[in-house]
Amino acid sequence: MFNSRDTNMGYDDDFDEDLPDIEDYPTLISVVRFNKLIPSIPWFSEVGEPLDQDSLAAARDYMDGLGFPGAFVAEVENWEDAAYAAANPEFNSEWWDAEEQLRMALTTSALELMSEEDLNLALTHVSATASDIINSAVEAATMDAGVEDQELIRAAVGSALQSCHQAALVLAAGEEDNHPFALKYKLFEHGHWPIAITGNSFNIF
């Protein structure tokens, strides 16, 4: 999915009018293809379930790639524990800073390949597609679990939307699928919620 060099597939017709020259920008085509796949992701469908080996490997590579080789995976078992992890004031500020630096670097790289207007337009399309899909998925998952904590629901939605944005930037910049943001998105693809690194713990629901 994150092979940004494979641009032979068709692109989303919704982008035709807004980006008439999209065929001249291979990484933009990759973002459009990514946008088309968002509805097929099993968002939050495996929260609370044990992580499989592929998910654990992605989590390990994410931590290593982000610069936290000493961190370990902490599997979150239920929504109550997820609420605690999401609201924990002990968030690792270095983790946040590391992600922000990656985001800025990807944005700079993407703007070397396309205009700011085109990049913002593509990211807006991704956000618009993801918003309804993710809101519906979180609503279904929390309703099934009897969760009424609106702050927690907003945190789950916001985290997934942020990951979509980050993953789209990976593609726009022409990066590969071993980028930390691609690896974090992979955990969402597997139905989990990678919440945050707190201390030395990477909390994944």
C-alpha atoms as a PDB file:
ATOM      1  CA  MET A   1       0.000   0.000   0.000  1.00  0.00           C
ATOM      2  CA  PHE A   2       2.824   2.403   0.783  1.00  0.00           C
ATOM      3  CA  ASN A   3       4.772   1.643  -2.376  1.00  0.00           C
ATOM      4  CA  SER A   4       4.714   5.199  -3.662  1.00  0.00           C
ATOM      5  CA  ARG A   5       6.475   4.183  -6.869  1.00  0.00           C
ATOM      6  CA  ASP A   6       3.621   1.985  -8.042  1.00  0.00           C
ATOM      7  CA  THR A   7       1.484   4.558  -9.822  1.00  0.00           C
ATOM      8  CA  ASN A   8      -0.112   2.516 -12.560  1.00  0.00           C
ATOM      9  CA  MET A   9      -3.503   2.195 -10.887  1.00  0.00           C
ATOM     10  CA  GLY A  10      -6.269   4.622 -11.727  1.00  0.00           C
ATOM     11  CA  TYR A  11      -6.899   7.575  -9.496  1.00  0.00           C
ATOM     12  CA  ASP A  12      -9.984   8.965  -7.816  1.00  0.00           C
ATOM     13  CA  ASP A  13     -12.282  10.910 -10.135  1.00  0.00           C
ATOM     14  CA  ASP A  14     -13.015  13.379  -7.315  1.00  0.00           C
ATOM     15  CA  PHE A  15      -9.554  14.829  -7.839  1.00  0.00           C
ATOM     16  CA  ASP A  16      -9.932  15.388 -11.588  1.00  0.00           C
ATOM     17  CA  GLU A  17     -11.321  18.904 -11.510  1.00  0.00           C
ATOM     18  CA  ASP A  18      -9.245  20.087  -8.558  1.00  0.00           C
ATOM     19  CA  LEU A  19      -5.956  18.628  -9.761  1.00  0.00           C
ATOM     20  CA  PRO A  20      -6.082  18.522 -13.560  1.00  0.00           C
ATOM     21  CA  ASP A  21      -2.344  17.824 -13.854  1.00  0.00           C
ATOM     22  CA  ILE A  22      -2.225  15.048 -11.272  1.00  0.00           C
ATOM     23  CA  GLU A  23      -0.658  12.598 -13.740  1.00  0.00           C
ATOM     24  CA  ASP A  24       2.469  14.743 -13.644  1.00  0.00           C
ATOM     25  CA  TYR A  25       2.879  14.100  -9.912  1.00  0.00           C
ATOM     26  CA  PRO A  26       3.355  10.406  -9.065  1.00  0.00           C
ATOM     27  CA  THR A  27       3.341  10.942  -5.306  1.00  0.00           C
ATOM     28  CA  LEU A  28       0.028  12.794  -5.520  1.00  0.00           C
ATOM     29  CA  ILE A  29      -1.438   9.817  -7.352  1.00  0.00           C
ATOM     30  CA  SER A  30      -0.252   7.658  -4.444  1.00  0.00           C
ATOM     31  CA  VAL A  31      -2.110   9.907  -2.005  1.00  0.00           C
ATOM     32  CA  VAL A  32      -5.273   9.620  -4.085  1.00  0.00           C
ATOM     33  CA  ARG A  33      -4.975   5.828  -4.141  1.00  0.00           C
ATOM     34  CA  PHE A  34      -4.465   5.879  -0.374  1.00  0.00           C
ATOM     35  CA  ASN A  35      -7.620   7.972  -0.005  1.00  0.00           C
ATOM     36  CA  LYS A  36      -9.627   5.370  -1.928  1.00  0.00           C
ATOM     37  CA  LEU A  37      -8.502   2.620   0.466  1.00  0.00           C
ATOM     38  CA  ILE A  38      -9.499   4.375   3.699  1.00  0.00           C
ATOM     39  CA  PRO A  39     -13.077   2.977   3.701  1.00  0.00           C
ATOM     40  CA  SER A  40     -11.731  -0.587   3.490  1.00  0.00           C
ATOM     41  CA  ILE A  41      -9.678  -0.348   6.700  1.00  0.00           C
ATOM     42  CA  PRO A  42     -11.180  -2.272   9.674  1.00  0.00           C
ATOM     43  CA  TRP A  43     -10.959   0.735  11.967  1.00  0.00           C
ATOM     44  CA  PHE A  44     -10.968  -0.150  15.694  1.00  0.00           C
ATOM     45  CA  SER A  45     -12.285  -3.642  14.952  1.00  0.00           C
ATOM     46  CA  GLU A  46      -9.564  -5.422  16.961  1.00  0.00           C
ATOM     47  CA  VAL A  47      -9.209  -3.104  19.954  1.00  0.00           C
ATOM     48  CA  GLY A  48      -8.575  -5.086  23.122  1.00  0.00           C
ATOM     49  CA  GLU A  49      -7.525  -8.171  21.177  1.00  0.00           C
ATOM     50  CA  PRO A  50      -3.956  -9.511  21.456  1.00  0.00           C
ATOM     51  CA  LEU A  51      -1.529  -8.097  18.921  1.00  0.00           C
ATOM     52  CA  ASP A  52      -0.401 -10.551  16.273  1.00  0.00           C
ATOM     53  CA  GLN A  53       3.248 -10.922  15.315  1.00  0.00           C
ATOM     54  CA  ASP A  54       2.921  -8.568  12.350  1.00  0.00           C
ATOM     55  CA  SER A  55       1.468  -5.851  14.572  1.00  0.00           C
ATOM     56  CA  LEU A  56       4.128  -6.357  17.216  1.00  0.00           C
ATOM     57  CA  ALA A  57       6.842  -6.117  14.572  1.00  0.00           C
ATOM     58  CA  ALA A  58       5.338  -2.902  13.197  1.00  0.00           C
ATOM     59  CA  ALA A  59       5.176  -1.453  16.706  1.00  0.00           C
ATOM     60  CA  ARG A  60       8.802  -2.394  17.380  1.00  0.00           C
ATOM     61  CA  ASP A  61       9.973  -0.881  14.098  1.00  0.00           C
ATOM     62  CA  TYR A  62       7.939   2.271  14.780  1.00  0.00           C
ATOM     63  CA  MET A  63       9.586   2.736  18.174  1.00  0.00           C
ATOM     64  CA  ASP A  64      13.041   2.089  16.765  1.00  0.00           C
ATOM     65  CA  GLY A  65      12.498   4.372  13.788  1.00  0.00           C
ATOM     66  CA  LEU A  66      11.203   7.155  15.978  1.00  0.00           C
ATOM     67  CA  GLY A  67      14.245   6.933  18.227  1.00  0.00           C
ATOM     68  CA  PHE A  68      12.857   4.978  21.191  1.00  0.00           C
ATOM     69  CA  PRO A  69      14.699   1.621  21.079  1.00  0.00           C
ATOM     70  CA  GLY A  70      14.246   1.210  24.839  1.00  0.00           C
ATOM     71  CA  ALA A  71      10.453   1.459  24.725  1.00  0.00           C
ATOM     72  CA  PHE A  72       8.234  -1.603  24.911  1.00  0.00           C
ATOM     73  CA  VAL A  73       4.697  -2.452  23.806  1.00  0.00           C
ATOM     74  CA  ALA A  74       2.010  -2.220  26.480  1.00  0.00           C
ATOM     75  CA  GLU A  75      -1.166  -3.900  25.255  1.00  0.00           C
ATOM     76  CA  VAL A  76      -4.287  -2.074  26.448  1.00  0.00           C
ATOM     77  CA  GLU A  77      -7.106  -4.517  27.149  1.00  0.00           C
ATOM     78  CA  ASN A  78     -10.283  -2.432  27.413  1.00  0.00           C
ATOM     79  CA  TRP A  79     -11.777   1.006  26.834  1.00  0.00           C
ATOM     80  CA  GLU A  80     -11.394   1.975  30.479  1.00  0.00           C
ATOM     81  CA  ASP A  81      -7.646   1.399  30.311  1.00  0.00           C
ATOM     82  CA  ALA A  82      -7.558   3.131  26.926  1.00  0.00           C
ATOM     83  CA  ALA A  83      -9.157   6.193  28.514  1.00  0.00           C
ATOM     84  CA  TYR A  84      -6.448   6.236  31.166  1.00  0.00           C
ATOM     85  CA  ALA A  85      -3.693   5.833  28.580  1.00  0.00           C
ATOM     86  CA  ALA A  86      -5.136   8.552  26.350  1.00  0.00           C
ATOM     87  CA  ALA A  87      -5.553  10.994  29.237  1.00  0.00           C
ATOM     88  CA  ASN A  88      -2.264  10.173  30.977  1.00  0.00           C
ATOM     89  CA  PRO A  89      -0.420  13.425  31.761  1.00  0.00           C
ATOM     90  CA  GLU A  90       2.882  11.506  31.621  1.00  0.00           C
ATOM     91  CA  PHE A  91       2.949  11.560  27.809  1.00  0.00           C
ATOM     92  CA  ASN A  92       6.511  11.351  26.620  1.00  0.00           C
ATOM     93  CA  SER A  93       7.102  14.877  25.288  1.00  0.00           C
ATOM     94  CA  GLU A  94      10.148  13.623  23.383  1.00  0.00           C
ATOM     95  CA  TRP A  95       7.813  11.237  21.533  1.00  0.00           C
ATOM     96  CA  TRP A  96       5.553  14.133  20.530  1.00  0.00           C
ATOM     97  CA  ASP A  97       8.552  16.214  19.483  1.00  0.00           C
ATOM     98  CA  ALA A  98       9.956  13.342  17.412  1.00  0.00           C
ATOM     99  CA  GLU A  99       6.668  12.905  15.554  1.00  0.00           C
ATOM    100  CA  GLU A 100       6.398  16.633  14.960  1.00  0.00           C
ATOM    101  CA  GLN A 101       9.900  16.768  13.522  1.00  0.00           C
ATOM    102  CA  LEU A 102       9.047  13.907  11.183  1.00  0.00           C
ATOM    103  CA  ARG A 103       5.857  15.671  10.112  1.00  0.00           C
ATOM    104  CA  MET A 104       7.747  18.866   9.325  1.00  0.00           C
ATOM    105  CA  ALA A 105      10.445  16.990   7.391  1.00  0.00           C
ATOM    106  CA  LEU A 106       7.832  15.149   5.314  1.00  0.00           C
ATOM    107  CA  THR A 107       6.017  18.398   4.562  1.00  0.00           C
ATOM    108  CA  THR A 108       9.262  19.986   3.372  1.00  0.00           C
ATOM    109  CA  SER A 109      10.022  16.983   1.154  1.00  0.00           C
ATOM    110  CA  ALA A 110       6.494  16.916  -0.265  1.00  0.00           C
ATOM    111  CA  LEU A 111       6.657  20.613  -1.141  1.00  0.00           C
ATOM    112  CA  GLU A 112       9.739  19.918  -3.215  1.00  0.00           C
ATOM    113  CA  LEU A 113       7.570  17.658  -5.370  1.00  0.00           C
ATOM    114  CA  MET A 114       4.360  19.686  -5.594  1.00  0.00           C
ATOM    115  CA  SER A 115       2.851  23.054  -4.772  1.00  0.00           C
ATOM    116  CA  GLU A 116       1.560  23.878  -1.312  1.00  0.00           C
ATOM    117  CA  GLU A 117      -1.911  24.337  -2.790  1.00  0.00           C
ATOM    118  CA  ASP A 118      -1.931  20.845  -4.290  1.00  0.00           C
ATOM    119  CA  LEU A 119      -0.563  19.266  -1.127  1.00  0.00           C
ATOM    120  CA  ASN A 120      -3.146  20.969   1.074  1.00  0.00           C
ATOM    121  CA  LEU A 121      -5.922  20.023  -1.317  1.00  0.00           C
ATOM    122  CA  ALA A 122      -4.866  16.366  -1.321  1.00  0.00           C
ATOM    123  CA  LEU A 123      -4.610  16.270   2.470  1.00  0.00           C
ATOM    124  CA  THR A 124      -8.020  17.926   2.752  1.00  0.00           C
ATOM    125  CA  HIS A 125      -9.520  15.192   0.581  1.00  0.00           C
ATOM    126  CA  VAL A 126      -7.966  12.556   2.843  1.00  0.00           C
ATOM    127  CA  SER A 127      -9.333  14.229   5.972  1.00  0.00           C
ATOM    128  CA  ALA A 128     -12.797  14.552   4.462  1.00  0.00           C
ATOM    129  CA  THR A 129     -12.880  10.885   3.457  1.00  0.00           C
ATOM    130  CA  ALA A 130     -11.486   9.645   6.752  1.00  0.00           C
ATOM    131  CA  SER A 131     -13.640  11.781   9.031  1.00  0.00           C
ATOM    132  CA  ASP A 132     -17.005  10.139   8.340  1.00  0.00           C
ATOM    133  CA  ILE A 133     -15.530   6.639   8.103  1.00  0.00           C
ATOM    134  CA  ILE A 134     -13.602   6.879  11.358  1.00  0.00           C
ATOM    135  CA  ASN A 135     -16.379   8.611  13.281  1.00  0.00           C
ATOM    136  CA  SER A 136     -18.767   5.841  12.300  1.00  0.00           C
ATOM    137  CA  ALA A 137     -16.267   3.123  13.231  1.00  0.00           C
ATOM    138  CA  VAL A 138     -15.522   4.610  16.638  1.00  0.00           C
ATOM    139  CA  GLU A 139     -19.221   5.145  17.298  1.00  0.00           C
ATOM    140  CA  ALA A 140     -19.936   1.501  16.501  1.00  0.00           C
ATOM    141  CA  ALA A 141     -17.028   0.196  18.584  1.00  0.00           C
ATOM    142  CA  THR A 142     -17.828   2.310  21.626  1.00  0.00           C
ATOM    143  CA  MET A 143     -21.544   1.649  21.401  1.00  0.00           C
ATOM    144  CA  ASP A 144     -20.916  -2.098  21.393  1.00  0.00           C
ATOM    145  CA  ALA A 145     -18.724  -1.679  24.475  1.00  0.00           C
ATOM    146  CA  GLY A 146     -21.175   0.629  26.243  1.00  0.00           C
ATOM    147  CA  VAL A 147     -18.696   3.513  26.233  1.00  0.00           C
ATOM    148  CA  GLU A 148     -20.204   6.980  26.702  1.00  0.00           C
ATOM    149  CA  ASP A 149     -17.043   8.946  27.456  1.00  0.00           C
ATOM    150  CA  GLN A 150     -17.161  11.658  24.785  1.00  0.00           C
ATOM    151  CA  GLU A 151     -13.633  12.831  25.518  1.00  0.00           C
ATOM    152  CA  LEU A 152     -12.338   9.325  24.922  1.00  0.00           C
ATOM    153  CA  ILE A 153     -14.367   9.018  21.722  1.00  0.00           C
ATOM    154  CA  ARG A 154     -12.942  12.304  20.441  1.00  0.00           C
ATOM    155  CA  ALA A 155      -9.422  11.158  21.340  1.00  0.00           C
ATOM    156  CA  ALA A 156      -9.844   7.920  19.392  1.00  0.00           C
ATOM    157  CA  VAL A 157     -11.212   9.705  16.337  1.00  0.00           C
ATOM    158  CA  GLY A 158      -8.554  12.399  16.494  1.00  0.00           C
ATOM    159  CA  SER A 159      -5.743   9.873  16.769  1.00  0.00           C
ATOM    160  CA  ALA A 160      -6.920   7.954  13.717  1.00  0.00           C
ATOM    161  CA  LEU A 161      -7.432  11.106  11.673  1.00  0.00           C
ATOM    162  CA  GLN A 162      -3.955  12.286  12.593  1.00  0.00           C
ATOM    163  CA  SER A 163      -2.509   8.960  11.465  1.00  0.00           C
ATOM    164  CA  CYS A 164      -4.272   9.288   8.104  1.00  0.00           C
ATOM    165  CA  HIS A 165      -2.756  12.733   7.686  1.00  0.00           C
ATOM    166  CA  GLN A 166       0.688  11.469   8.622  1.00  0.00           C
ATOM    167  CA  ALA A 167       0.465   8.466   6.323  1.00  0.00           C
ATOM    168  CA  ALA A 168      -0.678  10.650   3.430  1.00  0.00           C
ATOM    169  CA  LEU A 169       2.358  12.876   4.012  1.00  0.00           C
ATOM    170  CA  VAL A 170       4.603   9.806   3.809  1.00  0.00           C
ATOM    171  CA  LEU A 171       3.222   9.100   0.345  1.00  0.00           C
ATOM    172  CA  ALA A 172       3.239  12.726  -0.775  1.00  0.00           C
ATOM    173  CA  ALA A 173       6.927  12.940   0.135  1.00  0.00           C
ATOM    174  CA  GLY A 174       7.734   9.742  -1.753  1.00  0.00           C
ATOM    175  CA  GLU A 175       8.888   7.874   1.358  1.00  0.00           C
ATOM    176  CA  GLU A 176       8.763   4.107   1.811  1.00  0.00           C
ATOM    177  CA  ASP A 177       6.586   1.819   3.927  1.00  0.00           C
ATOM    178  CA  ASN A 178       9.204   1.509   6.656  1.00  0.00           C
ATOM    179  CA  HIS A 179       8.687   5.133   7.675  1.00  0.00           C
ATOM    180  CA  PRO A 180       7.481   5.385  11.316  1.00  0.00           C
ATOM    181  CA  PHE A 181       4.209   7.031  10.282  1.00  0.00           C
ATOM    182  CA  ALA A 182       3.516   4.234   7.797  1.00  0.00           C
ATOM    183  CA  LEU A 183       4.189   1.693  10.531  1.00  0.00           C
ATOM    184  CA  LYS A 184       1.843   3.446  12.951  1.00  0.00           C
ATOM    185  CA  TYR A 185      -0.859   3.519  10.303  1.00  0.00           C
ATOM    186  CA  LYS A 186      -0.314  -0.194   9.791  1.00  0.00           C
ATOM    187  CA  LEU A 187      -1.473  -0.763  13.365  1.00  0.00           C
ATOM    188  CA  PHE A 188      -4.725   1.015  12.521  1.00  0.00           C
ATOM    189  CA  GLU A 189      -4.958  -1.173   9.404  1.00  0.00           C
ATOM    190  CA  HIS A 190      -4.869  -4.154  11.742  1.00  0.00           C
ATOM    191  CA  GLY A 191      -7.825  -2.795  13.702  1.00  0.00           C
ATOM    192  CA  HIS A 192      -5.881  -1.492  16.700  1.00  0.00           C
ATOM    193  CA  TRP A 193      -5.424   1.946  18.229  1.00  0.00           C
ATOM    194  CA  PRO A 194      -1.793   2.966  18.844  1.00  0.00           C
ATOM    195  CA  ILE A 195      -2.486   5.506  21.563  1.00  0.00           C
ATOM    196  CA  ALA A 196       0.836   7.021  22.609  1.00  0.00           C
ATOM    197  CA  ILE A 197       4.245   6.449  24.093  1.00  0.00           C
ATOM    198  CA  THR A 198       4.022   7.161  27.802  1.00  0.00           C
ATOM    199  CA  GLY A 199       7.337   6.927  29.601  1.00  0.00           C
ATOM    200  CA  ASN A 200       8.866   3.818  28.030  1.00  0.00           C
ATOM    201  CA  SER A 201       5.504   2.240  27.169  1.00  0.00           C
ATOM    202  CA  PHE A 202       3.935   2.266  23.734  1.00  0.00           C
ATOM    203  CA  ASN A 203       0.266   1.851  24.642  1.00  0.00           C
ATOM    204  CA  ILE A 204      -1.673   0.001  21.944  1.00  0.00           C
ATOM    205  CA  PHE A 205      -5.349  -0.857  22.276  1.00  0.00           C
END
